[in-house]
Amino acid sequence: MEELARLAGITVRTLRFYRERKLIPPPRREGRIAWYDDHHLARLRTITALLERGHTLSGIAELAEAFDHGRDVGDLLGVGGPTEEEPVHLTPEELADHFAGEATPENLAAAMDLGYLGTDGEEIVHISRRLLDVSSALVHEGIPLAAVLAAAKQVRTHADALAELFTDLVLDHATPEDLPRLRPLARSVVEAELSLALDRRMRRP
């Protein structure tokens, strides 16, 4: 414990307090000896960084609990991972930078529920670089992250319906083996129709 506190730049008393608040996982025990590792040190450095950014200990505790009990990267990506989207590995500090202080425990929990976020050790994994970049850009334009995530939930519902429509169309007239080859056509139709729909919407008073 003394060695871990020294490496993290905190006092042993502070470390004990963090343990009592369950901000760090318990050590591995061998008899009467408690062993800490690099994951504990990384967590302590993350706590220090979040405190410096103005986060409260209660908020950090909620965040730590969410990640300790959240889905890991295997659950997030599924067998084989996404076929076209590029997952992104982030530290908690990098994720906070993307969302201008709006990476609250509530927003992170909502993102995990959507399947956007998972964990891989001490790192966070976002399932799609494109979705990460777009949501970050919207937040920097002044749209609250909670509103972005609420809209994403609605988009997910419509996207699932479109995927089912296209899949049924192909399977009614072709074979399952044709789906990967014809997949880009579905994306092109959706992009074109959305572009036309935005034109119609912006022409309205």
N, C-alpha and C. Protein backbone atom coordinates (compact mmCIF):
# COMPACT_ATOMS: atom_id res chain seq x y z
N MET A 1 0.83 -1.20 0.00
CA MET A 1 0.00 0.00 0.00
C MET A 1 0.87 1.26 0.00
N GLU A 2 1.95 1.25 0.80
CA GLU A 2 2.83 2.41 0.84
C GLU A 2 3.48 2.66 -0.52
N GLU A 3 3.90 1.58 -1.17
CA GLU A 3 4.55 1.72 -2.49
C GLU A 3 3.56 2.26 -3.52
N LEU A 4 2.33 1.75 -3.51
CA LEU A 4 1.31 2.21 -4.46
C LEU A 4 1.01 3.69 -4.24
N ALA A 5 0.86 4.10 -2.97
CA ALA A 5 0.57 5.50 -2.67
C ALA A 5 1.70 6.41 -3.16
N ARG A 6 2.94 5.95 -2.94
CA ARG A 6 4.09 6.77 -3.38
C ARG A 6 4.10 6.93 -4.89
N LEU A 7 3.86 5.83 -5.63
CA LEU A 7 3.88 5.90 -7.10
C LEU A 7 2.74 6.76 -7.64
N ALA A 8 1.60 6.75 -6.92
CA ALA A 8 0.44 7.53 -7.37
C ALA A 8 0.51 8.99 -6.93
N GLY A 9 1.46 9.30 -6.05
CA GLY A 9 1.60 10.68 -5.59
C GLY A 9 0.55 11.10 -4.59
N ILE A 10 0.04 10.14 -3.79
CA ILE A 10 -0.95 10.44 -2.76
C ILE A 10 -0.48 9.87 -1.44
N THR A 11 -1.20 10.19 -0.37
CA THR A 11 -0.84 9.65 0.93
C THR A 11 -1.51 8.30 1.14
N VAL A 12 -0.98 7.52 2.07
CA VAL A 12 -1.59 6.23 2.40
C VAL A 12 -2.99 6.45 2.96
N ARG A 13 -3.16 7.52 3.71
CA ARG A 13 -4.49 7.83 4.26
C ARG A 13 -5.50 8.07 3.13
N THR A 14 -5.09 8.80 2.09
CA THR A 14 -5.97 9.03 0.94
C THR A 14 -6.29 7.73 0.24
N LEU A 15 -5.28 6.87 0.08
CA LEU A 15 -5.48 5.58 -0.56
C LEU A 15 -6.50 4.74 0.21
N ARG A 16 -6.38 4.74 1.52
CA ARG A 16 -7.34 3.99 2.34
C ARG A 16 -8.76 4.55 2.16
N PHE A 17 -8.85 5.87 2.07
CA PHE A 17 -10.15 6.51 1.86
C PHE A 17 -10.75 6.08 0.51
N TYR A 18 -9.92 6.04 -0.53
CA TYR A 18 -10.40 5.61 -1.85
C TYR A 18 -10.88 4.16 -1.80
N ARG A 19 -10.15 3.33 -1.06
CA ARG A 19 -10.56 1.93 -0.93
C ARG A 19 -11.90 1.82 -0.22
N GLU A 20 -12.09 2.60 0.85
CA GLU A 20 -13.35 2.58 1.59
C GLU A 20 -14.51 3.04 0.71
N ARG A 21 -14.25 4.00 -0.18
CA ARG A 21 -15.29 4.49 -1.09
C ARG A 21 -15.45 3.59 -2.31
N LYS A 22 -14.65 2.52 -2.40
CA LYS A 22 -14.68 1.56 -3.51
C LYS A 22 -14.36 2.22 -4.85
N LEU A 23 -13.46 3.21 -4.78
CA LEU A 23 -13.00 3.85 -6.00
C LEU A 23 -11.96 3.01 -6.72
N ILE A 24 -11.31 2.11 -6.01
CA ILE A 24 -10.36 1.18 -6.63
C ILE A 24 -10.75 -0.23 -6.24
N PRO A 25 -10.48 -1.21 -7.08
CA PRO A 25 -10.83 -2.60 -6.75
C PRO A 25 -9.94 -3.11 -5.63
N PRO A 26 -10.37 -4.15 -4.91
CA PRO A 26 -9.55 -4.68 -3.82
C PRO A 26 -8.27 -5.31 -4.35
N PRO A 27 -7.24 -5.39 -3.53
CA PRO A 27 -5.98 -6.00 -3.98
C PRO A 27 -6.10 -7.53 -4.02
N ARG A 28 -5.13 -8.13 -4.69
CA ARG A 28 -5.04 -9.59 -4.68
C ARG A 28 -4.29 -9.99 -3.42
N ARG A 29 -4.84 -10.95 -2.70
CA ARG A 29 -4.25 -11.32 -1.41
C ARG A 29 -3.58 -12.68 -1.47
N GLU A 30 -2.41 -12.73 -0.86
CA GLU A 30 -1.69 -13.99 -0.65
C GLU A 30 -1.38 -14.06 0.84
N GLY A 31 -2.20 -14.80 1.56
CA GLY A 31 -2.04 -14.82 3.01
C GLY A 31 -2.37 -13.46 3.58
N ARG A 32 -1.42 -12.88 4.30
CA ARG A 32 -1.63 -11.57 4.92
C ARG A 32 -1.08 -10.44 4.05
N ILE A 33 -0.57 -10.79 2.85
CA ILE A 33 0.02 -9.78 1.96
C ILE A 33 -1.01 -9.36 0.91
N ALA A 34 -1.18 -8.05 0.73
CA ALA A 34 -2.08 -7.50 -0.29
C ALA A 34 -1.23 -6.96 -1.44
N TRP A 35 -1.48 -7.50 -2.64
CA TRP A 35 -0.71 -7.10 -3.81
C TRP A 35 -1.52 -6.16 -4.70
N TYR A 36 -0.94 -5.02 -5.05
CA TYR A 36 -1.53 -4.09 -6.01
C TYR A 36 -0.75 -4.17 -7.31
N ASP A 37 -1.42 -3.83 -8.43
CA ASP A 37 -0.74 -3.93 -9.72
C ASP A 37 -0.92 -2.65 -10.53
N ASP A 38 -0.54 -2.72 -11.82
CA ASP A 38 -0.60 -1.53 -12.68
C ASP A 38 -2.02 -1.02 -12.87
N HIS A 39 -3.02 -1.91 -12.79
CA HIS A 39 -4.41 -1.47 -12.95
C HIS A 39 -4.82 -0.55 -11.79
N HIS A 40 -4.37 -0.88 -10.58
CA HIS A 40 -4.67 -0.02 -9.44
C HIS A 40 -3.99 1.35 -9.60
N LEU A 41 -2.76 1.34 -10.06
CA LEU A 41 -2.04 2.59 -10.24
C LEU A 41 -2.70 3.44 -11.33
N ALA A 42 -3.11 2.81 -12.43
CA ALA A 42 -3.79 3.54 -13.50
C ALA A 42 -5.10 4.14 -13.00
N ARG A 43 -5.84 3.38 -12.19
CA ARG A 43 -7.11 3.88 -11.66
C ARG A 43 -6.86 5.10 -10.77
N LEU A 44 -5.83 5.04 -9.92
CA LEU A 44 -5.54 6.16 -9.03
C LEU A 44 -5.14 7.40 -9.83
N ARG A 45 -4.37 7.21 -10.88
CA ARG A 45 -3.98 8.36 -11.70
C ARG A 45 -5.18 8.95 -12.43
N THR A 46 -6.11 8.08 -12.82
CA THR A 46 -7.35 8.55 -13.45
C THR A 46 -8.18 9.36 -12.46
N ILE A 47 -8.27 8.88 -11.22
CA ILE A 47 -9.02 9.61 -10.19
C ILE A 47 -8.42 11.00 -9.99
N THR A 48 -7.10 11.07 -9.91
CA THR A 48 -6.42 12.36 -9.73
C THR A 48 -6.73 13.29 -10.89
N ALA A 49 -6.68 12.75 -12.12
CA ALA A 49 -6.94 13.57 -13.30
C ALA A 49 -8.38 14.08 -13.32
N LEU A 50 -9.33 13.22 -12.93
CA LEU A 50 -10.74 13.63 -12.92
C LEU A 50 -11.00 14.67 -11.84
N LEU A 51 -10.36 14.51 -10.69
CA LEU A 51 -10.51 15.52 -9.63
C LEU A 51 -9.97 16.87 -10.10
N GLU A 52 -8.85 16.85 -10.81
CA GLU A 52 -8.27 18.10 -11.31
C GLU A 52 -9.18 18.77 -12.33
N ARG A 53 -10.03 17.97 -13.01
CA ARG A 53 -10.96 18.52 -13.99
C ARG A 53 -12.27 18.98 -13.35
N GLY A 54 -12.38 18.84 -12.03
CA GLY A 54 -13.55 19.35 -11.34
C GLY A 54 -14.62 18.32 -11.03
N HIS A 55 -14.36 17.03 -11.31
CA HIS A 55 -15.34 16.00 -10.98
C HIS A 55 -15.34 15.76 -9.47
N THR A 56 -16.51 15.41 -8.94
CA THR A 56 -16.62 15.11 -7.52
C THR A 56 -16.29 13.64 -7.26
N LEU A 57 -15.97 13.32 -6.01
CA LEU A 57 -15.66 11.93 -5.66
C LEU A 57 -16.89 11.04 -5.83
N SER A 58 -18.08 11.57 -5.52
CA SER A 58 -19.28 10.76 -5.69
C SER A 58 -19.52 10.45 -7.15
N GLY A 59 -19.28 11.42 -8.02
CA GLY A 59 -19.42 11.18 -9.45
C GLY A 59 -18.40 10.18 -9.97
N ILE A 60 -17.16 10.29 -9.48
CA ILE A 60 -16.13 9.34 -9.88
C ILE A 60 -16.47 7.94 -9.39
N ALA A 61 -17.05 7.85 -8.18
CA ALA A 61 -17.44 6.54 -7.64
C ALA A 61 -18.51 5.89 -8.51
N GLU A 62 -19.50 6.69 -8.96
CA GLU A 62 -20.55 6.17 -9.83
C GLU A 62 -19.96 5.69 -11.15
N LEU A 63 -19.01 6.46 -11.67
CA LEU A 63 -18.37 6.11 -12.93
C LEU A 63 -17.57 4.82 -12.78
N ALA A 64 -16.82 4.70 -11.67
CA ALA A 64 -16.02 3.50 -11.44
C ALA A 64 -16.92 2.28 -11.33
N GLU A 65 -18.05 2.43 -10.65
CA GLU A 65 -18.98 1.31 -10.51
C GLU A 65 -19.57 0.92 -11.86
N ALA A 66 -19.88 1.92 -12.68
CA ALA A 66 -20.45 1.63 -14.00
C ALA A 66 -19.48 0.81 -14.85
N PHE A 67 -18.21 1.18 -14.81
CA PHE A 67 -17.24 0.46 -15.62
C PHE A 67 -16.87 -0.89 -15.01
N ASP A 68 -16.83 -0.97 -13.70
CA ASP A 68 -16.51 -2.25 -13.06
C ASP A 68 -17.60 -3.29 -13.31
N HIS A 69 -18.84 -2.83 -13.50
CA HIS A 69 -19.96 -3.75 -13.72
C HIS A 69 -20.49 -3.66 -15.14
N GLY A 70 -19.81 -2.90 -15.99
CA GLY A 70 -20.27 -2.77 -17.37
C GLY A 70 -19.78 -3.90 -18.25
N ARG A 71 -20.20 -3.82 -19.50
CA ARG A 71 -19.77 -4.84 -20.45
C ARG A 71 -18.32 -4.64 -20.82
N ASP A 72 -17.61 -5.75 -21.00
CA ASP A 72 -16.24 -5.62 -21.44
C ASP A 72 -16.21 -5.54 -22.95
N VAL A 73 -15.01 -5.43 -23.53
CA VAL A 73 -14.91 -5.20 -24.96
C VAL A 73 -15.47 -6.36 -25.77
N GLY A 74 -15.37 -7.58 -25.25
CA GLY A 74 -15.92 -8.73 -25.97
C GLY A 74 -17.43 -8.65 -26.07
N ASP A 75 -18.09 -8.26 -24.98
CA ASP A 75 -19.54 -8.11 -25.02
C ASP A 75 -19.95 -6.97 -25.93
N LEU A 76 -19.16 -5.90 -25.92
CA LEU A 76 -19.48 -4.72 -26.71
C LEU A 76 -19.41 -5.01 -28.21
N LEU A 77 -18.32 -5.64 -28.63
CA LEU A 77 -18.09 -5.83 -30.06
C LEU A 77 -18.74 -7.08 -30.60
N GLY A 78 -18.97 -8.07 -29.75
CA GLY A 78 -19.53 -9.32 -30.23
C GLY A 78 -18.45 -10.14 -30.93
N VAL A 79 -18.81 -11.35 -31.30
CA VAL A 79 -17.85 -12.24 -31.96
C VAL A 79 -17.44 -11.63 -33.29
N GLY A 80 -16.15 -11.40 -33.48
CA GLY A 80 -15.66 -10.86 -34.73
C GLY A 80 -15.68 -9.35 -34.81
N GLY A 81 -16.45 -8.68 -33.95
CA GLY A 81 -16.49 -7.23 -33.96
C GLY A 81 -17.28 -6.69 -35.13
N PRO A 82 -17.42 -5.36 -35.22
CA PRO A 82 -18.17 -4.75 -36.33
C PRO A 82 -17.43 -4.97 -37.64
N THR A 83 -18.19 -5.10 -38.73
CA THR A 83 -17.55 -5.40 -40.02
C THR A 83 -17.00 -4.17 -40.70
N GLU A 84 -17.57 -2.99 -40.42
CA GLU A 84 -17.12 -1.78 -41.11
C GLU A 84 -16.66 -0.68 -40.17
N GLU A 85 -17.20 -0.62 -38.97
CA GLU A 85 -16.85 0.46 -38.04
C GLU A 85 -15.55 0.15 -37.32
N GLU A 86 -14.79 1.21 -37.06
CA GLU A 86 -13.49 1.08 -36.38
C GLU A 86 -13.63 1.41 -34.90
N PRO A 87 -13.45 0.43 -34.01
CA PRO A 87 -13.51 0.73 -32.57
C PRO A 87 -12.35 1.63 -32.15
N VAL A 88 -12.57 2.41 -31.09
CA VAL A 88 -11.56 3.35 -30.59
C VAL A 88 -11.30 3.06 -29.12
N HIS A 89 -10.03 2.92 -28.74
CA HIS A 89 -9.63 2.73 -27.34
C HIS A 89 -9.26 4.10 -26.75
N LEU A 90 -9.84 4.41 -25.59
CA LEU A 90 -9.65 5.71 -24.96
C LEU A 90 -9.38 5.55 -23.48
N THR A 91 -8.62 6.47 -22.91
CA THR A 91 -8.55 6.58 -21.45
C THR A 91 -9.74 7.43 -21.01
N PRO A 92 -10.13 7.36 -19.73
CA PRO A 92 -11.21 8.23 -19.26
C PRO A 92 -10.93 9.72 -19.50
N GLU A 93 -9.65 10.11 -19.40
CA GLU A 93 -9.30 11.50 -19.64
C GLU A 93 -9.53 11.89 -21.10
N GLU A 94 -9.17 11.00 -22.03
CA GLU A 94 -9.38 11.29 -23.45
C GLU A 94 -10.87 11.37 -23.78
N LEU A 95 -11.66 10.49 -23.16
CA LEU A 95 -13.11 10.54 -23.40
C LEU A 95 -13.68 11.86 -22.89
N ALA A 96 -13.22 12.31 -21.72
CA ALA A 96 -13.70 13.58 -21.17
C ALA A 96 -13.35 14.73 -22.10
N ASP A 97 -12.17 14.69 -22.72
CA ASP A 97 -11.77 15.74 -23.65
C ASP A 97 -12.68 15.79 -24.88
N HIS A 98 -13.15 14.63 -25.33
CA HIS A 98 -14.03 14.58 -26.50
C HIS A 98 -15.35 15.28 -26.25
N PHE A 99 -15.81 15.26 -24.99
CA PHE A 99 -17.17 15.73 -24.73
C PHE A 99 -17.23 16.93 -23.80
N ALA A 100 -16.17 17.69 -23.76
CA ALA A 100 -16.17 19.02 -23.13
C ALA A 100 -16.83 19.04 -21.75
N GLY A 101 -16.43 18.08 -20.90
CA GLY A 101 -16.93 18.07 -19.54
C GLY A 101 -18.29 17.43 -19.36
N GLU A 102 -18.87 16.87 -20.42
CA GLU A 102 -20.20 16.26 -20.31
C GLU A 102 -20.15 14.75 -20.18
N ALA A 103 -18.96 14.20 -19.94
CA ALA A 103 -18.84 12.75 -19.75
C ALA A 103 -19.21 12.39 -18.31
N THR A 104 -20.46 12.67 -17.96
CA THR A 104 -20.96 12.41 -16.61
C THR A 104 -21.29 10.92 -16.46
N PRO A 105 -21.40 10.43 -15.22
CA PRO A 105 -21.79 9.03 -15.04
C PRO A 105 -23.12 8.69 -15.72
N GLU A 106 -24.08 9.65 -15.69
CA GLU A 106 -25.38 9.39 -16.31
C GLU A 106 -25.25 9.25 -17.82
N ASN A 107 -24.48 10.13 -18.45
CA ASN A 107 -24.30 10.05 -19.91
C ASN A 107 -23.51 8.82 -20.31
N LEU A 108 -22.49 8.47 -19.50
CA LEU A 108 -21.70 7.28 -19.82
C LEU A 108 -22.54 6.02 -19.67
N ALA A 109 -23.41 5.98 -18.66
CA ALA A 109 -24.29 4.83 -18.50
C ALA A 109 -25.24 4.71 -19.69
N ALA A 110 -25.76 5.85 -20.17
CA ALA A 110 -26.65 5.83 -21.34
C ALA A 110 -25.91 5.35 -22.58
N ALA A 111 -24.65 5.77 -22.73
CA ALA A 111 -23.85 5.32 -23.88
C ALA A 111 -23.56 3.83 -23.80
N MET A 112 -23.35 3.32 -22.59
CA MET A 112 -23.14 1.89 -22.41
C MET A 112 -24.41 1.11 -22.73
N ASP A 113 -25.57 1.64 -22.35
CA ASP A 113 -26.84 0.99 -22.65
C ASP A 113 -27.06 0.91 -24.16
N LEU A 114 -26.64 1.94 -24.88
CA LEU A 114 -26.77 1.94 -26.34
C LEU A 114 -25.79 0.99 -27.02
N GLY A 115 -24.78 0.55 -26.28
CA GLY A 115 -23.76 -0.29 -26.88
C GLY A 115 -22.62 0.49 -27.50
N TYR A 116 -22.57 1.80 -27.22
CA TYR A 116 -21.48 2.62 -27.75
C TYR A 116 -20.18 2.38 -26.99
N LEU A 117 -20.29 2.17 -25.66
CA LEU A 117 -19.10 2.07 -24.82
C LEU A 117 -19.00 0.72 -24.14
N GLY A 118 -17.78 0.25 -23.97
CA GLY A 118 -17.47 -0.91 -23.16
C GLY A 118 -16.12 -0.67 -22.53
N THR A 119 -15.59 -1.65 -21.82
CA THR A 119 -14.30 -1.49 -21.17
C THR A 119 -13.35 -2.60 -21.59
N ASP A 120 -12.06 -2.28 -21.57
CA ASP A 120 -11.01 -3.24 -21.86
C ASP A 120 -9.90 -2.96 -20.86
N GLY A 121 -9.94 -3.63 -19.70
CA GLY A 121 -9.00 -3.31 -18.64
C GLY A 121 -9.29 -1.92 -18.11
N GLU A 122 -8.30 -1.05 -18.10
CA GLU A 122 -8.48 0.32 -17.63
C GLU A 122 -8.88 1.26 -18.76
N GLU A 123 -9.00 0.74 -19.98
CA GLU A 123 -9.37 1.58 -21.11
C GLU A 123 -10.86 1.47 -21.40
N ILE A 124 -11.37 2.51 -22.07
CA ILE A 124 -12.75 2.53 -22.55
C ILE A 124 -12.69 2.26 -24.06
N VAL A 125 -13.66 1.51 -24.56
CA VAL A 125 -13.74 1.24 -25.99
C VAL A 125 -15.03 1.82 -26.53
N HIS A 126 -14.92 2.69 -27.53
CA HIS A 126 -16.10 3.17 -28.26
C HIS A 126 -16.21 2.33 -29.52
N ILE A 127 -17.41 1.87 -29.83
CA ILE A 127 -17.60 0.89 -30.89
C ILE A 127 -17.36 1.46 -32.29
N SER A 128 -17.41 2.79 -32.45
CA SER A 128 -17.32 3.38 -33.79
C SER A 128 -16.64 4.73 -33.76
N ARG A 129 -15.53 4.84 -34.51
CA ARG A 129 -14.85 6.14 -34.59
C ARG A 129 -15.76 7.18 -35.23
N ARG A 130 -16.53 6.79 -36.24
CA ARG A 130 -17.41 7.76 -36.90
C ARG A 130 -18.46 8.30 -35.93
N LEU A 131 -19.08 7.41 -35.15
CA LEU A 131 -20.08 7.86 -34.20
C LEU A 131 -19.46 8.71 -33.10
N LEU A 132 -18.26 8.36 -32.67
CA LEU A 132 -17.56 9.15 -31.66
C LEU A 132 -17.28 10.55 -32.18
N ASP A 133 -16.78 10.64 -33.41
CA ASP A 133 -16.45 11.95 -33.99
C ASP A 133 -17.70 12.82 -34.18
N VAL A 134 -18.78 12.20 -34.67
CA VAL A 134 -20.01 12.97 -34.91
C VAL A 134 -20.61 13.45 -33.60
N SER A 135 -20.72 12.56 -32.61
CA SER A 135 -21.31 12.97 -31.33
C SER A 135 -20.46 14.03 -30.65
N SER A 136 -19.13 13.91 -30.74
CA SER A 136 -18.24 14.92 -30.16
C SER A 136 -18.43 16.26 -30.87
N ALA A 137 -18.56 16.24 -32.20
CA ALA A 137 -18.76 17.48 -32.96
C ALA A 137 -20.07 18.15 -32.57
N LEU A 138 -21.13 17.37 -32.38
CA LEU A 138 -22.42 17.94 -31.99
C LEU A 138 -22.33 18.60 -30.61
N VAL A 139 -21.63 17.94 -29.68
CA VAL A 139 -21.47 18.51 -28.34
C VAL A 139 -20.69 19.83 -28.42
N HIS A 140 -19.65 19.87 -29.23
CA HIS A 140 -18.86 21.10 -29.36
C HIS A 140 -19.63 22.20 -30.08
N GLU A 141 -20.72 21.83 -30.79
CA GLU A 141 -21.60 22.83 -31.39
C GLU A 141 -22.63 23.36 -30.40
N GLY A 142 -22.60 22.83 -29.17
CA GLY A 142 -23.49 23.33 -28.14
C GLY A 142 -24.69 22.46 -27.83
N ILE A 143 -24.77 21.27 -28.45
CA ILE A 143 -25.88 20.37 -28.19
C ILE A 143 -25.51 19.47 -27.02
N PRO A 144 -26.32 19.41 -25.96
CA PRO A 144 -25.97 18.60 -24.79
C PRO A 144 -25.81 17.14 -25.16
N LEU A 145 -24.84 16.48 -24.53
CA LEU A 145 -24.59 15.07 -24.82
C LEU A 145 -25.81 14.21 -24.50
N ALA A 146 -26.55 14.56 -23.44
CA ALA A 146 -27.75 13.79 -23.11
C ALA A 146 -28.76 13.83 -24.26
N ALA A 147 -28.89 14.99 -24.92
CA ALA A 147 -29.80 15.11 -26.05
C ALA A 147 -29.29 14.31 -27.25
N VAL A 148 -27.98 14.33 -27.46
CA VAL A 148 -27.39 13.55 -28.56
C VAL A 148 -27.66 12.06 -28.36
N LEU A 149 -27.48 11.59 -27.13
CA LEU A 149 -27.70 10.16 -26.85
C LEU A 149 -29.17 9.79 -26.95
N ALA A 150 -30.06 10.69 -26.55
CA ALA A 150 -31.50 10.42 -26.69
C ALA A 150 -31.88 10.31 -28.16
N ALA A 151 -31.31 11.20 -28.99
CA ALA A 151 -31.56 11.13 -30.43
C ALA A 151 -30.97 9.85 -31.02
N ALA A 152 -29.80 9.45 -30.53
CA ALA A 152 -29.16 8.23 -31.02
C ALA A 152 -30.02 7.01 -30.76
N LYS A 153 -30.71 7.01 -29.62
CA LYS A 153 -31.59 5.89 -29.30
C LYS A 153 -32.72 5.80 -30.33
N GLN A 154 -33.26 6.95 -30.75
CA GLN A 154 -34.30 6.94 -31.77
C GLN A 154 -33.74 6.53 -33.13
N VAL A 155 -32.55 7.01 -33.45
CA VAL A 155 -31.91 6.62 -34.70
C VAL A 155 -31.69 5.12 -34.74
N ARG A 156 -31.30 4.53 -33.62
CA ARG A 156 -31.08 3.09 -33.54
C ARG A 156 -32.35 2.33 -33.93
N THR A 157 -33.48 2.78 -33.42
CA THR A 157 -34.76 2.12 -33.73
C THR A 157 -35.04 2.15 -35.23
N HIS A 158 -34.86 3.33 -35.85
CA HIS A 158 -35.11 3.45 -37.29
C HIS A 158 -34.08 2.67 -38.10
N ALA A 159 -32.83 2.68 -37.66
CA ALA A 159 -31.78 1.95 -38.38
C ALA A 159 -32.05 0.45 -38.35
N ASP A 160 -32.50 -0.06 -37.20
CA ASP A 160 -32.84 -1.49 -37.12
C ASP A 160 -33.97 -1.83 -38.08
N ALA A 161 -34.97 -0.93 -38.18
CA ALA A 161 -36.09 -1.17 -39.09
C ALA A 161 -35.62 -1.16 -40.55
N LEU A 162 -34.72 -0.23 -40.90
CA LEU A 162 -34.19 -0.18 -42.26
C LEU A 162 -33.36 -1.42 -42.59
N ALA A 163 -32.57 -1.87 -41.62
CA ALA A 163 -31.76 -3.07 -41.84
C ALA A 163 -32.65 -4.28 -42.06
N GLU A 164 -33.72 -4.37 -41.30
CA GLU A 164 -34.64 -5.49 -41.46
C GLU A 164 -35.33 -5.44 -42.82
N LEU A 165 -35.74 -4.22 -43.24
CA LEU A 165 -36.39 -4.06 -44.55
C LEU A 165 -35.47 -4.52 -45.67
N PHE A 166 -34.21 -4.07 -45.64
CA PHE A 166 -33.27 -4.43 -46.70
C PHE A 166 -32.97 -5.92 -46.68
N THR A 167 -32.77 -6.48 -45.50
CA THR A 167 -32.49 -7.90 -45.39
C THR A 167 -33.64 -8.74 -45.94
N ASP A 168 -34.87 -8.36 -45.59
CA ASP A 168 -36.04 -9.08 -46.10
C ASP A 168 -36.13 -8.97 -47.61
N LEU A 169 -35.83 -7.77 -48.15
CA LEU A 169 -35.87 -7.57 -49.60
C LEU A 169 -34.91 -8.51 -50.32
N VAL A 170 -33.68 -8.59 -49.81
CA VAL A 170 -32.68 -9.45 -50.45
C VAL A 170 -33.06 -10.92 -50.30
N LEU A 171 -33.48 -11.33 -49.11
CA LEU A 171 -33.79 -12.73 -48.88
C LEU A 171 -35.03 -13.18 -49.65
N ASP A 172 -35.92 -12.24 -50.00
CA ASP A 172 -37.09 -12.59 -50.80
C ASP A 172 -36.73 -12.87 -52.24
N HIS A 173 -35.58 -12.32 -52.70
CA HIS A 173 -35.26 -12.43 -54.12
C HIS A 173 -33.85 -12.95 -54.38
N ALA A 174 -33.06 -13.18 -53.34
CA ALA A 174 -31.70 -13.68 -53.53
C ALA A 174 -31.40 -14.68 -52.41
N THR A 175 -30.15 -14.78 -52.00
CA THR A 175 -29.74 -15.73 -50.98
C THR A 175 -29.00 -15.00 -49.86
N PRO A 176 -28.89 -15.61 -48.69
CA PRO A 176 -28.13 -14.98 -47.60
C PRO A 176 -26.69 -14.66 -47.98
N GLU A 177 -26.11 -15.44 -48.88
CA GLU A 177 -24.73 -15.20 -49.30
C GLU A 177 -24.58 -13.89 -50.06
N ASP A 178 -25.72 -13.38 -50.61
CA ASP A 178 -25.66 -12.12 -51.36
C ASP A 178 -25.67 -10.89 -50.46
N LEU A 179 -26.05 -11.06 -49.19
CA LEU A 179 -26.19 -9.90 -48.30
C LEU A 179 -24.91 -9.08 -48.16
N PRO A 180 -23.75 -9.69 -47.87
CA PRO A 180 -22.53 -8.87 -47.73
C PRO A 180 -22.20 -8.10 -49.01
N ARG A 181 -22.42 -8.72 -50.16
CA ARG A 181 -22.09 -8.07 -51.44
C ARG A 181 -23.01 -6.89 -51.72
N LEU A 182 -24.30 -7.02 -51.34
CA LEU A 182 -25.28 -5.98 -51.62
C LEU A 182 -25.39 -4.93 -50.52
N ARG A 183 -24.69 -5.15 -49.41
CA ARG A 183 -24.76 -4.24 -48.27
C ARG A 183 -24.45 -2.79 -48.63
N PRO A 184 -23.42 -2.50 -49.45
CA PRO A 184 -23.16 -1.09 -49.80
C PRO A 184 -24.33 -0.41 -50.49
N LEU A 185 -25.16 -1.17 -51.21
CA LEU A 185 -26.32 -0.57 -51.87
C LEU A 185 -27.32 -0.04 -50.84
N ALA A 186 -27.50 -0.79 -49.75
CA ALA A 186 -28.41 -0.35 -48.70
C ALA A 186 -27.92 0.95 -48.08
N ARG A 187 -26.61 1.04 -47.82
CA ARG A 187 -26.05 2.25 -47.23
C ARG A 187 -26.23 3.45 -48.17
N SER A 188 -26.05 3.23 -49.47
CA SER A 188 -26.19 4.31 -50.45
C SER A 188 -27.63 4.82 -50.50
N VAL A 189 -28.59 3.90 -50.45
CA VAL A 189 -30.00 4.30 -50.47
C VAL A 189 -30.32 5.15 -49.25
N VAL A 190 -29.88 4.71 -48.06
CA VAL A 190 -30.17 5.43 -46.83
C VAL A 190 -29.52 6.81 -46.85
N GLU A 191 -28.27 6.90 -47.30
CA GLU A 191 -27.59 8.20 -47.35
C GLU A 191 -28.30 9.15 -48.31
N ALA A 192 -28.71 8.64 -49.50
CA ALA A 192 -29.38 9.49 -50.47
C ALA A 192 -30.74 9.95 -49.97
N GLU A 193 -31.52 9.02 -49.39
CA GLU A 193 -32.85 9.38 -48.89
C GLU A 193 -32.76 10.36 -47.73
N LEU A 194 -31.77 10.19 -46.86
CA LEU A 194 -31.61 11.13 -45.75
C LEU A 194 -31.24 12.51 -46.26
N SER A 195 -30.37 12.56 -47.28
CA SER A 195 -30.00 13.85 -47.87
C SER A 195 -31.21 14.55 -48.46
N LEU A 196 -32.06 13.81 -49.19
CA LEU A 196 -33.27 14.39 -49.77
C LEU A 196 -34.24 14.82 -48.68
N ALA A 197 -34.34 14.03 -47.61
CA ALA A 197 -35.24 14.36 -46.51
C ALA A 197 -34.79 15.64 -45.81
N LEU A 198 -33.48 15.82 -45.65
CA LEU A 198 -32.97 17.04 -45.03
C LEU A 198 -33.26 18.25 -45.92
N ASP A 199 -33.15 18.07 -47.25
CA ASP A 199 -33.51 19.16 -48.16
C ASP A 199 -34.97 19.55 -47.97
N ARG A 200 -35.86 18.56 -47.91
CA ARG A 200 -37.28 18.85 -47.74
C ARG A 200 -37.54 19.55 -46.41
N ARG A 201 -36.87 19.06 -45.36
CA ARG A 201 -37.11 19.64 -44.03
C ARG A 201 -36.63 21.07 -43.95
N MET A 202 -35.50 21.39 -44.58
CA MET A 202 -34.96 22.75 -44.48
C MET A 202 -35.71 23.75 -45.37
N ARG A 203 -36.50 23.24 -46.31
CA ARG A 203 -37.31 24.14 -47.14
C ARG A 203 -38.60 24.55 -46.44
N ARG A 204 -38.96 23.78 -45.40
CA ARG A 204 -40.20 24.09 -44.68
C ARG A 204 -40.03 25.33 -43.82
N PRO A 205 -41.11 26.14 -43.67
CA PRO A 205 -41.01 27.34 -42.83
C PRO A 205 -40.66 27.00 -41.40
